[in-house]
Amino acid sequence: MSLEANENLYAYADRDLLFEALANLVDNAVKFTPEGGRVMLSLSRKNADAVIRVADSGPGIADGDTELVMRRFYRSDKSRTEPGFGLGLSLVGAIVKLHGFRIRLSSGPGCIAELSAPLQLA
């Protein structure tokens, strides 16, 4: 696991809920990355947003499933053998929506989840 954050960025958010969302994203990345794989967490600025990225070297999300995995209780064929109820990403989606943030999930090998929040001055 690696972490990259080159600057301090601020966004208005409920600290506990944001922590819960990030914990779910990191938990999924660890769960679906094979032994010897990589999980990378980064914080960066993109235009007027702070972007938190969780990337892994796992099998990723199938094309067309990026919206489905955000639904409650949805379990893709790849995840049916893993523990869980299919609530993690739907919880992340609810937290993101509550804050007015955005989330983008990539499809294909190596999942990338990007959470974007409007920057605030320190």
PDB file of N, CA and C in Angstrom:
ATOM      1  N   MET A   1       0.855  -1.173   0.000  1.00  0.00           N
ATOM      2  CA  MET A   1       0.000   0.000   0.000  1.00  0.00           C
ATOM      3  C   MET A   1       0.895   1.228   0.000  1.00  0.00           C
ATOM      4  N   SER A   2       0.511   2.222  -0.798  1.00  0.00           N
ATOM      5  CA  SER A   2       1.281   3.463  -0.833  1.00  0.00           C
ATOM      6  C   SER A   2       0.338   4.658  -0.691  1.00  0.00           C
ATOM      7  N   LEU A   3       0.889   5.774  -0.227  1.00  0.00           N
ATOM      8  CA  LEU A   3       0.139   7.007  -0.033  1.00  0.00           C
ATOM      9  C   LEU A   3       0.929   8.147  -0.642  1.00  0.00           C
ATOM     10  N   GLU A   4       0.228   9.000  -1.394  1.00  0.00           N
ATOM     11  CA  GLU A   4       0.858  10.183  -1.980  1.00  0.00           C
ATOM     12  C   GLU A   4      -0.042  11.382  -1.745  1.00  0.00           C
ATOM     13  N   ALA A   5       0.485  12.377  -1.040  1.00  0.00           N
ATOM     14  CA  ALA A   5      -0.241  13.627  -0.798  1.00  0.00           C
ATOM     15  C   ALA A   5       0.802  14.726  -0.719  1.00  0.00           C
ATOM     16  N   ASN A   6       0.910  15.536  -1.763  1.00  0.00           N
ATOM     17  CA  ASN A   6       1.970  16.539  -1.849  1.00  0.00           C
ATOM     18  C   ASN A   6       1.577  17.909  -1.325  1.00  0.00           C
ATOM     19  N   GLU A   7       0.306  18.100  -1.000  1.00  0.00           N
ATOM     20  CA  GLU A   7      -0.115  19.397  -0.479  1.00  0.00           C
ATOM     21  C   GLU A   7      -1.322  19.211   0.434  1.00  0.00           C
ATOM     22  N   ASN A   8      -1.558  20.207   1.295  1.00  0.00           N
ATOM     23  CA  ASN A   8      -2.723  20.183   2.163  1.00  0.00           C
ATOM     24  C   ASN A   8      -3.907  20.758   1.403  1.00  0.00           C
ATOM     25  N   LEU A   9      -4.971  19.989   1.304  1.00  0.00           N
ATOM     26  CA  LEU A   9      -6.187  20.447   0.633  1.00  0.00           C
ATOM     27  C   LEU A   9      -7.344  20.339   1.619  1.00  0.00           C
ATOM     28  N   TYR A  10      -8.295  21.248   1.512  1.00  0.00           N
ATOM     29  CA  TYR A  10      -9.398  21.292   2.453  1.00  0.00           C
ATOM     30  C   TYR A  10     -10.741  21.266   1.725  1.00  0.00           C
ATOM     31  N   ALA A  11     -11.676  20.522   2.310  1.00  0.00           N
ATOM     32  CA  ALA A  11     -13.051  20.483   1.815  1.00  0.00           C
ATOM     33  C   ALA A  11     -13.961  20.409   3.029  1.00  0.00           C
ATOM     34  N   TYR A  12     -15.145  20.996   2.924  1.00  0.00           N
ATOM     35  CA  TYR A  12     -16.115  20.892   4.011  1.00  0.00           C
ATOM     36  C   TYR A  12     -16.767  19.528   3.935  1.00  0.00           C
ATOM     37  N   ALA A  13     -16.666  18.783   5.047  1.00  0.00           N
ATOM     38  CA  ALA A  13     -17.249  17.443   5.087  1.00  0.00           C
ATOM     39  C   ALA A  13     -17.392  17.010   6.533  1.00  0.00           C
ATOM     40  N   ASP A  14     -18.285  16.082   6.759  1.00  0.00           N
ATOM     41  CA  ASP A  14     -18.368  15.429   8.054  1.00  0.00           C
ATOM     42  C   ASP A  14     -17.201  14.452   8.130  1.00  0.00           C
ATOM     43  N   ARG A  15     -16.287  14.699   9.049  1.00  0.00           N
ATOM     44  CA  ARG A  15     -15.059  13.909   9.144  1.00  0.00           C
ATOM     45  C   ARG A  15     -15.336  12.414   9.278  1.00  0.00           C
ATOM     46  N   ASP A  16     -16.279  12.048  10.133  1.00  0.00           N
ATOM     47  CA  ASP A  16     -16.564  10.630  10.374  1.00  0.00           C
ATOM     48  C   ASP A  16     -17.174   9.966   9.142  1.00  0.00           C
ATOM     49  N   LEU A  17     -18.078  10.655   8.465  1.00  0.00           N
ATOM     50  CA  LEU A  17     -18.681  10.071   7.268  1.00  0.00           C
ATOM     51  C   LEU A  17     -17.663   9.948   6.139  1.00  0.00           C
ATOM     52  N   LEU A  18     -16.824  10.969   5.976  1.00  0.00           N
ATOM     53  CA  LEU A  18     -15.796  10.900   4.943  1.00  0.00           C
ATOM     54  C   LEU A  18     -14.813   9.768   5.247  1.00  0.00           C
ATOM     55  N   PHE A  19     -14.460   9.597   6.513  1.00  0.00           N
ATOM     56  CA  PHE A  19     -13.588   8.493   6.904  1.00  0.00           C
ATOM     57  C   PHE A  19     -14.248   7.153   6.565  1.00  0.00           C
ATOM     58  N   GLU A  20     -15.538   7.038   6.835  1.00  0.00           N
ATOM     59  CA  GLU A  20     -16.278   5.802   6.526  1.00  0.00           C
ATOM     60  C   GLU A  20     -16.251   5.508   5.025  1.00  0.00           C
ATOM     61  N   ALA A  21     -16.459   6.530   4.216  1.00  0.00           N
ATOM     62  CA  ALA A  21     -16.432   6.345   2.756  1.00  0.00           C
ATOM     63  C   ALA A  21     -15.048   5.883   2.301  1.00  0.00           C
ATOM     64  N   LEU A  22     -14.003   6.538   2.796  1.00  0.00           N
ATOM     65  CA  LEU A  22     -12.647   6.160   2.398  1.00  0.00           C
ATOM     66  C   LEU A  22     -12.284   4.768   2.907  1.00  0.00           C
ATOM     67  N   ALA A  23     -12.718   4.447   4.113  1.00  0.00           N
ATOM     68  CA  ALA A  23     -12.450   3.112   4.666  1.00  0.00           C
ATOM     69  C   ALA A  23     -13.090   2.041   3.793  1.00  0.00           C
ATOM     70  N   ASN A  24     -14.289   2.289   3.302  1.00  0.00           N
ATOM     71  CA  ASN A  24     -14.956   1.329   2.423  1.00  0.00           C
ATOM     72  C   ASN A  24     -14.214   1.176   1.098  1.00  0.00           C
ATOM     73  N   LEU A  25     -13.758   2.277   0.531  1.00  0.00           N
ATOM     74  CA  LEU A  25     -13.020   2.209  -0.734  1.00  0.00           C
ATOM     75  C   LEU A  25     -11.706   1.456  -0.563  1.00  0.00           C
ATOM     76  N   VAL A  26     -10.983   1.750   0.515  1.00  0.00           N
ATOM     77  CA  VAL A  26      -9.715   1.060   0.766  1.00  0.00           C
ATOM     78  C   VAL A  26      -9.965  -0.414   1.084  1.00  0.00           C
ATOM     79  N   ASP A  27     -10.996  -0.708   1.860  1.00  0.00           N
ATOM     80  CA  ASP A  27     -11.324  -2.100   2.186  1.00  0.00           C
ATOM     81  C   ASP A  27     -11.606  -2.900   0.914  1.00  0.00           C
ATOM     82  N   ASN A  28     -12.375  -2.333   0.000  1.00  0.00           N
ATOM     83  CA  ASN A  28     -12.644  -3.020  -1.273  1.00  0.00           C
ATOM     84  C   ASN A  28     -11.364  -3.233  -2.071  1.00  0.00           C
ATOM     85  N   ALA A  29     -10.518  -2.208  -2.116  1.00  0.00           N
ATOM     86  CA  ALA A  29      -9.271  -2.326  -2.866  1.00  0.00           C
ATOM     87  C   ALA A  29      -8.404  -3.446  -2.301  1.00  0.00           C
ATOM     88  N   VAL A  30      -8.285  -3.511  -0.992  1.00  0.00           N
ATOM     89  CA  VAL A  30      -7.485  -4.560  -0.351  1.00  0.00           C
ATOM     90  C   VAL A  30      -8.121  -5.928  -0.580  1.00  0.00           C
ATOM     91  N   LYS A  31      -9.440  -5.993  -0.430  1.00  0.00           N
ATOM     92  CA  LYS A  31     -10.155  -7.266  -0.562  1.00  0.00           C
ATOM     93  C   LYS A  31     -10.010  -7.881  -1.949  1.00  0.00           C
ATOM     94  N   PHE A  32     -10.028  -7.053  -2.977  1.00  0.00           N
ATOM     95  CA  PHE A  32     -10.032  -7.565  -4.349  1.00  0.00           C
ATOM     96  C   PHE A  32      -8.662  -7.530  -5.034  1.00  0.00           C
ATOM     97  N   THR A  33      -7.631  -7.110  -4.314  1.00  0.00           N
ATOM     98  CA  THR A  33      -6.282  -7.124  -4.876  1.00  0.00           C
ATOM     99  C   THR A  33      -5.606  -8.433  -4.480  1.00  0.00           C
ATOM    100  N   PRO A  34      -5.076  -9.151  -5.450  1.00  0.00           N
ATOM    101  CA  PRO A  34      -4.424 -10.427  -5.126  1.00  0.00           C
ATOM    102  C   PRO A  34      -3.133 -10.218  -4.323  1.00  0.00           C
ATOM    103  N   GLU A  35      -2.699 -11.252  -3.666  1.00  0.00           N
ATOM    104  CA  GLU A  35      -1.456 -11.204  -2.917  1.00  0.00           C
ATOM    105  C   GLU A  35      -0.325 -10.740  -3.839  1.00  0.00           C
ATOM    106  N   GLY A  36       0.471  -9.825  -3.328  1.00  0.00           N
ATOM    107  CA  GLY A  36       1.557  -9.271  -4.130  1.00  0.00           C
ATOM    108  C   GLY A  36       1.130  -8.073  -4.967  1.00  0.00           C
ATOM    109  N   GLY A  37      -0.163  -7.736  -4.950  1.00  0.00           N
ATOM    110  CA  GLY A  37      -0.666  -6.598  -5.713  1.00  0.00           C
ATOM    111  C   GLY A  37      -0.408  -5.286  -4.991  1.00  0.00           C
ATOM    112  N   ARG A  38      -0.958  -4.211  -5.548  1.00  0.00           N
ATOM    113  CA  ARG A  38      -0.740  -2.874  -4.990  1.00  0.00           C
ATOM    114  C   ARG A  38      -2.054  -2.149  -4.767  1.00  0.00           C
ATOM    115  N   VAL A  39      -2.098  -1.383  -3.685  1.00  0.00           N
ATOM    116  CA  VAL A  39      -3.189  -0.449  -3.408  1.00  0.00           C
ATOM    117  C   VAL A  39      -2.537   0.911  -3.215  1.00  0.00           C
ATOM    118  N   MET A  40      -3.011   1.910  -3.959  1.00  0.00           N
ATOM    119  CA  MET A  40      -2.437   3.252  -3.902  1.00  0.00           C
ATOM    120  C   MET A  40      -3.516   4.264  -3.525  1.00  0.00           C
ATOM    121  N   LEU A  41      -3.222   5.066  -2.543  1.00  0.00           N
ATOM    122  CA  LEU A  41      -4.128   6.113  -2.082  1.00  0.00           C
ATOM    123  C   LEU A  41      -3.429   7.440  -2.332  1.00  0.00           C
ATOM    124  N   SER A  42      -4.142   8.389  -2.974  1.00  0.00           N
ATOM    125  CA  SER A  42      -3.513   9.684  -3.246  1.00  0.00           C
ATOM    126  C   SER A  42      -4.516  10.817  -3.078  1.00  0.00           C
ATOM    127  N   LEU A  43      -3.964  11.987  -2.786  1.00  0.00           N
ATOM    128  CA  LEU A  43      -4.734  13.223  -2.676  1.00  0.00           C
ATOM    129  C   LEU A  43      -4.078  14.227  -3.605  1.00  0.00           C
ATOM    130  N   SER A  44      -4.887  14.843  -4.481  1.00  0.00           N
ATOM    131  CA  SER A  44      -4.337  15.824  -5.413  1.00  0.00           C
ATOM    132  C   SER A  44      -5.373  16.894  -5.713  1.00  0.00           C
ATOM    133  N   ARG A  45      -4.900  17.959  -6.356  1.00  0.00           N
ATOM    134  CA  ARG A  45      -5.769  19.047  -6.790  1.00  0.00           C
ATOM    135  C   ARG A  45      -6.044  18.864  -8.275  1.00  0.00           C
ATOM    136  N   LYS A  46      -7.302  18.995  -8.660  1.00  0.00           N
ATOM    137  CA  LYS A  46      -7.678  18.974 -10.071  1.00  0.00           C
ATOM    138  C   LYS A  46      -8.664  20.117 -10.280  1.00  0.00           C
ATOM    139  N   ASN A  47      -8.189  21.166 -10.942  1.00  0.00           N
ATOM    140  CA  ASN A  47      -8.970  22.393 -11.113  1.00  0.00           C
ATOM    141  C   ASN A  47      -9.391  22.911  -9.744  1.00  0.00           C
ATOM    142  N   ALA A  48     -10.693  23.048  -9.469  1.00  0.00           N
ATOM    143  CA  ALA A  48     -11.165  23.587  -8.194  1.00  0.00           C
ATOM    144  C   ALA A  48     -11.581  22.486  -7.216  1.00  0.00           C
ATOM    145  N   ASP A  49     -11.098  21.254  -7.448  1.00  0.00           N
ATOM    146  CA  ASP A  49     -11.481  20.125  -6.601  1.00  0.00           C
ATOM    147  C   ASP A  49     -10.285  19.491  -5.912  1.00  0.00           C
ATOM    148  N   ALA A  50     -10.543  18.970  -4.741  1.00  0.00           N
ATOM    149  CA  ALA A  50      -9.611  18.040  -4.090  1.00  0.00           C
ATOM    150  C   ALA A  50     -10.052  16.657  -4.553  1.00  0.00           C
ATOM    151  N   VAL A  51      -9.114  15.837  -4.993  1.00  0.00           N
ATOM    152  CA  VAL A  51      -9.440  14.508  -5.514  1.00  0.00           C
ATOM    153  C   VAL A  51      -8.710  13.458  -4.690  1.00  0.00           C
ATOM    154  N   ILE A  52      -9.486  12.576  -4.101  1.00  0.00           N
ATOM    155  CA  ILE A  52      -8.938  11.435  -3.391  1.00  0.00           C
ATOM    156  C   ILE A  52      -9.089  10.240  -4.316  1.00  0.00           C
ATOM    157  N   ARG A  53      -7.973   9.573  -4.576  1.00  0.00           N
ATOM    158  CA  ARG A  53      -7.979   8.436  -5.504  1.00  0.00           C
ATOM    159  C   ARG A  53      -7.532   7.181  -4.760  1.00  0.00           C
ATOM    160  N   VAL A  54      -8.324   6.139  -4.906  1.00  0.00           N
ATOM    161  CA  VAL A  54      -7.955   4.818  -4.405  1.00  0.00           C
ATOM    162  C   VAL A  54      -7.844   3.927  -5.640  1.00  0.00           C
ATOM    163  N   ALA A  55      -6.639   3.434  -5.894  1.00  0.00           N
ATOM    164  CA  ALA A  55      -6.393   2.598  -7.072  1.00  0.00           C
ATOM    165  C   ALA A  55      -5.800   1.276  -6.605  1.00  0.00           C
ATOM    166  N   ASP A  56      -6.110   0.213  -7.338  1.00  0.00           N
ATOM    167  CA  ASP A  56      -5.555  -1.084  -6.988  1.00  0.00           C
ATOM    168  C   ASP A  56      -5.179  -1.863  -8.239  1.00  0.00           C
ATOM    169  N   SER A  57      -4.494  -2.967  -8.038  1.00  0.00           N
ATOM    170  CA  SER A  57      -4.069  -3.806  -9.158  1.00  0.00           C
ATOM    171  C   SER A  57      -4.889  -5.093  -9.227  1.00  0.00           C
ATOM    172  N   GLY A  58      -6.107  -5.039  -8.712  1.00  0.00           N
ATOM    173  CA  GLY A  58      -7.001  -6.191  -8.749  1.00  0.00           C
ATOM    174  C   GLY A  58      -7.678  -6.350 -10.098  1.00  0.00           C
ATOM    175  N   PRO A  59      -8.668  -7.241 -10.169  1.00  0.00           N
ATOM    176  CA  PRO A  59      -9.333  -7.525 -11.445  1.00  0.00           C
ATOM    177  C   PRO A  59     -10.210  -6.385 -11.950  1.00  0.00           C
ATOM    178  N   GLY A  60     -10.571  -5.456 -11.081  1.00  0.00           N
ATOM    179  CA  GLY A  60     -11.375  -4.313 -11.502  1.00  0.00           C
ATOM    180  C   GLY A  60     -12.847  -4.634 -11.618  1.00  0.00           C
ATOM    181  N   ILE A  61     -13.573  -3.696 -12.184  1.00  0.00           N
ATOM    182  CA  ILE A  61     -15.025  -3.787 -12.343  1.00  0.00           C
ATOM    183  C   ILE A  61     -15.313  -4.036 -13.816  1.00  0.00           C
ATOM    184  N   ALA A  62     -16.214  -4.961 -14.087  1.00  0.00           N
ATOM    185  CA  ALA A  62     -16.562  -5.289 -15.472  1.00  0.00           C
ATOM    186  C   ALA A  62     -17.193  -4.087 -16.169  1.00  0.00           C
ATOM    187  N   ASP A  63     -16.954  -3.978 -17.479  1.00  0.00           N
ATOM    188  CA  ASP A  63     -17.589  -2.928 -18.277  1.00  0.00           C
ATOM    189  C   ASP A  63     -19.098  -2.982 -18.052  1.00  0.00           C
ATOM    190  N   GLY A  64     -19.705  -1.842 -17.841  1.00  0.00           N
ATOM    191  CA  GLY A  64     -21.144  -1.778 -17.653  1.00  0.00           C
ATOM    192  C   GLY A  64     -21.588  -1.990 -16.211  1.00  0.00           C
ATOM    193  N   ASP A  65     -20.671  -2.362 -15.309  1.00  0.00           N
ATOM    194  CA  ASP A  65     -21.050  -2.608 -13.911  1.00  0.00           C
ATOM    195  C   ASP A  65     -20.741  -1.439 -12.981  1.00  0.00           C
ATOM    196  N   THR A  66     -20.114  -0.375 -13.480  1.00  0.00           N
ATOM    197  CA  THR A  66     -19.705   0.701 -12.579  1.00  0.00           C
ATOM    198  C   THR A  66     -20.893   1.375 -11.893  1.00  0.00           C
ATOM    199  N   GLU A  67     -22.023   1.458 -12.553  1.00  0.00           N
ATOM    200  CA  GLU A  67     -23.222   2.014 -11.905  1.00  0.00           C
ATOM    201  C   GLU A  67     -23.903   0.971 -11.038  1.00  0.00           C
ATOM    202  N   LEU A  68     -23.901  -0.274 -11.475  1.00  0.00           N
ATOM    203  CA  LEU A  68     -24.552  -1.349 -10.720  1.00  0.00           C
ATOM    204  C   LEU A  68     -23.911  -1.568  -9.356  1.00  0.00           C
ATOM    205  N   VAL A  69     -22.569  -1.488  -9.283  1.00  0.00           N
ATOM    206  CA  VAL A  69     -21.895  -1.759  -8.011  1.00  0.00           C
ATOM    207  C   VAL A  69     -22.219  -0.716  -6.948  1.00  0.00           C
ATOM    208  N   MET A  70     -22.787   0.418  -7.336  1.00  0.00           N
ATOM    209  CA  MET A  70     -23.170   1.449  -6.373  1.00  0.00           C
ATOM    210  C   MET A  70     -24.557   1.199  -5.778  1.00  0.00           C
ATOM    211  N   ARG A  71     -25.252   0.179  -6.256  1.00  0.00           N
ATOM    212  CA  ARG A  71     -26.590  -0.152  -5.739  1.00  0.00           C
ATOM    213  C   ARG A  71     -26.479  -1.016  -4.487  1.00  0.00           C
ATOM    214  N   ARG A  72     -27.413  -0.811  -3.566  1.00  0.00           N
ATOM    215  CA  ARG A  72     -27.445  -1.636  -2.358  1.00  0.00           C
ATOM    216  C   ARG A  72     -27.630  -3.099  -2.702  1.00  0.00           C
ATOM    217  N   PHE A  73     -26.884  -3.927  -2.027  1.00  0.00           N
ATOM    218  CA  PHE A  73     -26.954  -5.392  -2.101  1.00  0.00           C
ATOM    219  C   PHE A  73     -26.489  -5.973  -3.436  1.00  0.00           C
ATOM    220  N   TYR A  74     -25.976  -5.145  -4.343  1.00  0.00           N
ATOM    221  CA  TYR A  74     -25.499  -5.684  -5.615  1.00  0.00           C
ATOM    222  C   TYR A  74     -24.182  -6.417  -5.386  1.00  0.00           C
ATOM    223  N   ARG A  75     -24.072  -7.614  -5.918  1.00  0.00           N
ATOM    224  CA  ARG A  75     -22.852  -8.417  -5.833  1.00  0.00           C
ATOM    225  C   ARG A  75     -22.545  -8.930  -7.235  1.00  0.00           C
ATOM    226  N   SER A  76     -21.437  -8.502  -7.803  1.00  0.00           N
ATOM    227  CA  SER A  76     -21.062  -8.985  -9.131  1.00  0.00           C
ATOM    228  C   SER A  76     -20.639 -10.447  -9.028  1.00  0.00           C
ATOM    229  N   ASP A  77     -20.564 -11.107 -10.151  1.00  0.00           N
ATOM    230  CA  ASP A  77     -20.145 -12.508 -10.153  1.00  0.00           C
ATOM    231  C   ASP A  77     -18.776 -12.688  -9.510  1.00  0.00           C
ATOM    232  N   LYS A  78     -17.864 -11.741  -9.732  1.00  0.00           N
ATOM    233  CA  LYS A  78     -16.513 -11.831  -9.171  1.00  0.00           C
ATOM    234  C   LYS A  78     -16.504 -11.740  -7.654  1.00  0.00           C
ATOM    235  N   SER A  79     -17.475 -11.020  -7.076  1.00  0.00           N
ATOM    236  CA  SER A  79     -17.440 -10.763  -5.633  1.00  0.00           C
ATOM    237  C   SER A  79     -18.293 -11.721  -4.815  1.00  0.00           C
ATOM    238  N   ARG A  80     -19.007 -12.613  -5.453  1.00  0.00           N
ATOM    239  CA  ARG A  80     -19.907 -13.496  -4.711  1.00  0.00           C
ATOM    240  C   ARG A  80     -19.178 -14.417  -3.738  1.00  0.00           C
ATOM    241  N   THR A  81     -17.918 -14.714  -3.992  1.00  0.00           N
ATOM    242  CA  THR A  81     -17.172 -15.592  -3.094  1.00  0.00           C
ATOM    243  C   THR A  81     -16.488 -14.818  -1.964  1.00  0.00           C
ATOM    244  N   GLU A  82     -16.527 -13.503  -2.012  1.00  0.00           N
ATOM    245  CA  GLU A  82     -15.919 -12.666  -0.980  1.00  0.00           C
ATOM    246  C   GLU A  82     -16.945 -12.356   0.104  1.00  0.00           C
ATOM    247  N   PRO A  83     -16.481 -12.169   1.360  1.00  0.00           N
ATOM    248  CA  PRO A  83     -17.425 -11.801   2.421  1.00  0.00           C
ATOM    249  C   PRO A  83     -18.005 -10.412   2.179  1.00  0.00           C
ATOM    250  N   GLY A  84     -19.211 -10.187   2.646  1.00  0.00           N
ATOM    251  CA  GLY A  84     -19.859  -8.882   2.533  1.00  0.00           C
ATOM    252  C   GLY A  84     -21.277  -9.014   2.030  1.00  0.00           C
ATOM    253  N   PHE A  85     -21.994  -7.895   2.121  1.00  0.00           N
ATOM    254  CA  PHE A  85     -23.405  -7.876   1.745  1.00  0.00           C
ATOM    255  C   PHE A  85     -23.702  -6.996   0.548  1.00  0.00           C
ATOM    256  N   GLY A  86     -22.692  -6.374  -0.034  1.00  0.00           N
ATOM    257  CA  GLY A  86     -22.918  -5.491  -1.172  1.00  0.00           C
ATOM    258  C   GLY A  86     -23.426  -4.123  -0.756  1.00  0.00           C
ATOM    259  N   LEU A  87     -23.015  -3.668   0.437  1.00  0.00           N
ATOM    260  CA  LEU A  87     -23.477  -2.366   0.928  1.00  0.00           C
ATOM    261  C   LEU A  87     -22.388  -1.294   0.910  1.00  0.00           C
ATOM    262  N   GLY A  88     -21.118  -1.681   0.843  1.00  0.00           N
ATOM    263  CA  GLY A  88     -20.013  -0.728   0.975  1.00  0.00           C
ATOM    264  C   GLY A  88     -20.053   0.406  -0.019  1.00  0.00           C
ATOM    265  N   LEU A  89     -20.132   0.092  -1.304  1.00  0.00           N
ATOM    266  CA  LEU A  89     -20.120   1.153  -2.309  1.00  0.00           C
ATOM    267  C   LEU A  89     -21.419   1.951  -2.331  1.00  0.00           C
ATOM    268  N   SER A  90     -22.530   1.327  -1.960  1.00  0.00           N
ATOM    269  CA  SER A  90     -23.771   2.109  -1.888  1.00  0.00           C
ATOM    270  C   SER A  90     -23.690   3.108  -0.731  1.00  0.00           C
ATOM    271  N   LEU A  91     -23.036   2.722   0.353  1.00  0.00           N
ATOM    272  CA  LEU A  91     -22.818   3.647   1.464  1.00  0.00           C
ATOM    273  C   LEU A  91     -21.901   4.788   1.033  1.00  0.00           C
ATOM    274  N   VAL A  92     -20.850   4.468   0.311  1.00  0.00           N
ATOM    275  CA  VAL A  92     -19.953   5.495  -0.228  1.00  0.00           C
ATOM    276  C   VAL A  92     -20.755   6.462  -1.101  1.00  0.00           C
ATOM    277  N   GLY A  93     -21.588   5.923  -1.975  1.00  0.00           N
ATOM    278  CA  GLY A  93     -22.406   6.752  -2.855  1.00  0.00           C
ATOM    279  C   GLY A  93     -23.336   7.679  -2.083  1.00  0.00           C
ATOM    280  N   ALA A  94     -23.931   7.167  -1.001  1.00  0.00           N
ATOM    281  CA  ALA A  94     -24.834   7.986  -0.192  1.00  0.00           C
ATOM    282  C   ALA A  94     -24.072   9.122   0.507  1.00  0.00           C
ATOM    283  N   ILE A  95     -22.889   8.828   1.006  1.00  0.00           N
ATOM    284  CA  ILE A  95     -22.071   9.852   1.672  1.00  0.00           C
ATOM    285  C   ILE A  95     -21.629  10.913   0.670  1.00  0.00           C
ATOM    286  N   VAL A  96     -21.216  10.482  -0.503  1.00  0.00           N
ATOM    287  CA  VAL A  96     -20.794  11.405  -1.552  1.00  0.00           C
ATOM    288  C   VAL A  96     -21.963  12.315  -1.947  1.00  0.00           C
ATOM    289  N   LYS A  97     -23.126  11.736  -2.137  1.00  0.00           N
ATOM    290  CA  LYS A  97     -24.314  12.514  -2.525  1.00  0.00           C
ATOM    291  C   LYS A  97     -24.707  13.501  -1.425  1.00  0.00           C
ATOM    292  N   LEU A  98     -24.672  13.066  -0.170  1.00  0.00           N
ATOM    293  CA  LEU A  98     -25.017  13.922   0.962  1.00  0.00           C
ATOM    294  C   LEU A  98     -24.139  15.175   1.001  1.00  0.00           C
ATOM    295  N   HIS A  99     -22.873  15.032   0.652  1.00  0.00           N
ATOM    296  CA  HIS A  99     -21.938  16.147   0.691  1.00  0.00           C
ATOM    297  C   HIS A  99     -21.908  16.963  -0.601  1.00  0.00           C
ATOM    298  N   GLY A 100     -22.574  16.493  -1.645  1.00  0.00           N
ATOM    299  CA  GLY A 100     -22.526  17.197  -2.917  1.00  0.00           C
ATOM    300  C   GLY A 100     -21.210  16.957  -3.645  1.00  0.00           C
ATOM    301  N   PHE A 101     -20.510  15.894  -3.292  1.00  0.00           N
ATOM    302  CA  PHE A 101     -19.263  15.526  -3.955  1.00  0.00           C
ATOM    303  C   PHE A 101     -19.594  14.675  -5.177  1.00  0.00           C
ATOM    304  N   ARG A 102     -18.555  14.203  -5.864  1.00  0.00           N
ATOM    305  CA  ARG A 102     -18.735  13.312  -7.012  1.00  0.00           C
ATOM    306  C   ARG A 102     -17.826  12.105  -6.843  1.00  0.00           C
ATOM    307  N   ILE A 103     -18.258  10.975  -7.399  1.00  0.00           N
ATOM    308  CA  ILE A 103     -17.417   9.790  -7.406  1.00  0.00           C
ATOM    309  C   ILE A 103     -17.412   9.203  -8.805  1.00  0.00           C
ATOM    310  N   ARG A 104     -16.235   8.713  -9.204  1.00  0.00           N
ATOM    311  CA  ARG A 104     -16.090   8.069 -10.506  1.00  0.00           C
ATOM    312  C   ARG A 104     -15.343   6.764 -10.288  1.00  0.00           C
ATOM    313  N   LEU A 105     -15.896   5.695 -10.846  1.00  0.00           N
ATOM    314  CA  LEU A 105     -15.261   4.383 -10.796  1.00  0.00           C
ATOM    315  C   LEU A 105     -14.841   3.987 -12.197  1.00  0.00           C
ATOM    316  N   SER A 106     -13.649   3.435 -12.320  1.00  0.00           N
ATOM    317  CA  SER A 106     -13.197   2.965 -13.629  1.00  0.00           C
ATOM    318  C   SER A 106     -13.604   1.512 -13.814  1.00  0.00           C
ATOM    319  N   SER A 107     -13.702   1.101 -15.060  1.00  0.00           N
ATOM    320  CA  SER A 107     -13.960  -0.309 -15.355  1.00  0.00           C
ATOM    321  C   SER A 107     -12.692  -0.921 -15.928  1.00  0.00           C
ATOM    322  N   GLY A 108     -12.686  -2.221 -16.013  1.00  0.00           N
ATOM    323  CA  GLY A 108     -11.514  -2.914 -16.535  1.00  0.00           C
ATOM    324  C   GLY A 108     -10.567  -3.301 -15.420  1.00  0.00           C
ATOM    325  N   PRO A 109      -9.458  -3.919 -15.773  1.00  0.00           N
ATOM    326  CA  PRO A 109      -8.490  -4.355 -14.755  1.00  0.00           C
ATOM    327  C   PRO A 109      -7.932  -3.180 -13.970  1.00  0.00           C
ATOM    328  N   GLY A 110      -7.709  -3.403 -12.688  1.00  0.00           N
ATOM    329  CA  GLY A 110      -7.178  -2.346 -11.837  1.00  0.00           C
ATOM    330  C   GLY A 110      -8.201  -1.265 -11.605  1.00  0.00           C
ATOM    331  N   CYS A 111      -8.970  -1.363 -10.547  1.00  0.00           N
ATOM    332  CA  CYS A 111     -10.025  -0.384 -10.260  1.00  0.00           C
ATOM    333  C   CYS A 111      -9.428   0.934  -9.786  1.00  0.00           C
ATOM    334  N   ILE A 112     -10.023   2.025 -10.230  1.00  0.00           N
ATOM    335  CA  ILE A 112      -9.686   3.357  -9.737  1.00  0.00           C
ATOM    336  C   ILE A 112     -10.994   4.013  -9.293  1.00  0.00           C
ATOM    337  N   ALA A 113     -11.024   4.439  -8.035  1.00  0.00           N
ATOM    338  CA  ALA A 113     -12.160   5.182  -7.506  1.00  0.00           C
ATOM    339  C   ALA A 113     -11.664   6.586  -7.193  1.00  0.00           C
ATOM    340  N   GLU A 114     -12.315   7.596  -7.777  1.00  0.00           N
ATOM    341  CA  GLU A 114     -11.947   8.989  -7.533  1.00  0.00           C
ATOM    342  C   GLU A 114     -13.107   9.725  -6.893  1.00  0.00           C
ATOM    343  N   LEU A 115     -12.857  10.272  -5.713  1.00  0.00           N
ATOM    344  CA  LEU A 115     -13.837  11.071  -4.999  1.00  0.00           C
ATOM    345  C   LEU A 115     -13.405  12.526  -5.132  1.00  0.00           C
ATOM    346  N   SER A 116     -14.267  13.372  -5.702  1.00  0.00           N
ATOM    347  CA  SER A 116     -13.948  14.785  -5.935  1.00  0.00           C
ATOM    348  C   SER A 116     -14.801  15.669  -5.042  1.00  0.00           C
ATOM    349  N   ALA A 117     -14.128  16.630  -4.372  1.00  0.00           N
ATOM    350  CA  ALA A 117     -14.820  17.550  -3.481  1.00  0.00           C
ATOM    351  C   ALA A 117     -14.357  18.970  -3.781  1.00  0.00           C
ATOM    352  N   PRO A 118     -15.277  19.941  -3.802  1.00  0.00           N
ATOM    353  CA  PRO A 118     -14.864  21.319  -4.040  1.00  0.00           C
ATOM    354  C   PRO A 118     -13.870  21.795  -2.971  1.00  0.00           C
ATOM    355  N   LEU A 119     -12.789  22.418  -3.413  1.00  0.00           N
ATOM    356  CA  LEU A 119     -11.767  22.935  -2.489  1.00  0.00           C
ATOM    357  C   LEU A 119     -12.314  24.097  -1.670  1.00  0.00           C
ATOM    358  N   GLN A 120     -11.833  24.201  -0.437  1.00  0.00           N
ATOM    359  CA  GLN A 120     -12.144  25.310   0.438  1.00  0.00           C
ATOM    360  C   GLN A 120     -10.819  25.944   0.860  1.00  0.00           C
ATOM    361  N   LEU A 121     -10.821  27.234   1.105  1.00  0.00           N
ATOM    362  CA  LEU A 121      -9.622  27.896   1.602  1.00  0.00           C
ATOM    363  C   LEU A 121      -9.399  27.489   3.043  1.00  0.00           C
ATOM    364  N   ALA A 122      -8.150  27.316   3.430  1.00  0.00           N
ATOM    365  CA  ALA A 122      -7.800  26.910   4.802  1.00  0.00           C
ATOM    366  C   ALA A 122      -8.130  28.015   5.775  1.00  0.00           C
TER     367      ALA A 122
END
